[in-house]
Amino acid sequence: ECDWYTRSDYVYLEFIELAERENSLSHLETLIIGGKVF
């Protein structure tokens, strides 16, 4: 279970980093969409 959380957090951070790099979403929008995806 701990491994799953660690892995999901890593993917989530990568998702945010990618979105911010693309500059297509605001940080808040990224959190909202990320919350729905994960």
C-alpha atoms as a PDB file:
ATOM      1  CA  GLU A   1       0.000   0.000   0.000  1.00  0.00           C
ATOM      2  CA  CYS A   2       2.837   2.374   0.852  1.00  0.00           C
ATOM      3  CA  ASP A   3       4.486   1.571  -2.462  1.00  0.00           C
ATOM      4  CA  TRP A   4       1.255   2.385  -4.283  1.00  0.00           C
ATOM      5  CA  TYR A   5       0.993   5.788  -2.627  1.00  0.00           C
ATOM      6  CA  THR A   6       4.636   6.570  -3.321  1.00  0.00           C
ATOM      7  CA  ARG A   7       4.220   5.593  -6.937  1.00  0.00           C
ATOM      8  CA  SER A   8       0.990   7.550  -7.399  1.00  0.00           C
ATOM      9  CA  ASP A   9       2.577  10.644  -5.831  1.00  0.00           C
ATOM     10  CA  TYR A  10       5.482  10.372  -8.267  1.00  0.00           C
ATOM     11  CA  VAL A  11       3.131  10.094 -11.256  1.00  0.00           C
ATOM     12  CA  TYR A  12       1.060  12.999  -9.921  1.00  0.00           C
ATOM     13  CA  LEU A  13       4.124  15.220  -9.592  1.00  0.00           C
ATOM     14  CA  GLU A  14       5.220  14.285 -13.105  1.00  0.00           C
ATOM     15  CA  PHE A  15       1.725  15.159 -14.346  1.00  0.00           C
ATOM     16  CA  ILE A  16       1.883  18.601 -12.729  1.00  0.00           C
ATOM     17  CA  GLU A  17       5.408  19.212 -14.023  1.00  0.00           C
ATOM     18  CA  LEU A  18       4.359  18.316 -17.559  1.00  0.00           C
ATOM     19  CA  ALA A  19       1.273  20.535 -17.423  1.00  0.00           C
ATOM     20  CA  GLU A  20       3.256  23.476 -16.080  1.00  0.00           C
ATOM     21  CA  ARG A  21       5.963  22.974 -18.699  1.00  0.00           C
ATOM     22  CA  GLU A  22       3.332  23.005 -21.444  1.00  0.00           C
ATOM     23  CA  ASN A  23       1.873  26.080 -19.756  1.00  0.00           C
ATOM     24  CA  SER A  24      -1.577  25.009 -20.932  1.00  0.00           C
ATOM     25  CA  LEU A  25      -3.119  24.771 -17.483  1.00  0.00           C
ATOM     26  CA  SER A  26      -2.977  26.856 -14.357  1.00  0.00           C
ATOM     27  CA  HIS A  27      -1.744  25.148 -11.183  1.00  0.00           C
ATOM     28  CA  LEU A  28      -5.282  25.067  -9.780  1.00  0.00           C
ATOM     29  CA  GLU A  29      -6.708  23.512 -12.936  1.00  0.00           C
ATOM     30  CA  THR A  30      -3.945  20.918 -12.825  1.00  0.00           C
ATOM     31  CA  LEU A  31      -4.849  20.012  -9.250  1.00  0.00           C
ATOM     32  CA  ILE A  32      -8.536  19.710 -10.126  1.00  0.00           C
ATOM     33  CA  ILE A  33      -7.928  17.554 -13.194  1.00  0.00           C
ATOM     34  CA  GLY A  34      -5.253  15.540 -11.373  1.00  0.00           C
ATOM     35  CA  GLY A  35      -7.696  14.911  -8.542  1.00  0.00           C
ATOM     36  CA  LYS A  36     -10.197  13.500 -11.024  1.00  0.00           C
ATOM     37  CA  VAL A  37      -7.638  11.409 -12.891  1.00  0.00           C
ATOM     38  CA  PHE A  38      -6.010   9.960  -9.786  1.00  0.00           C
END
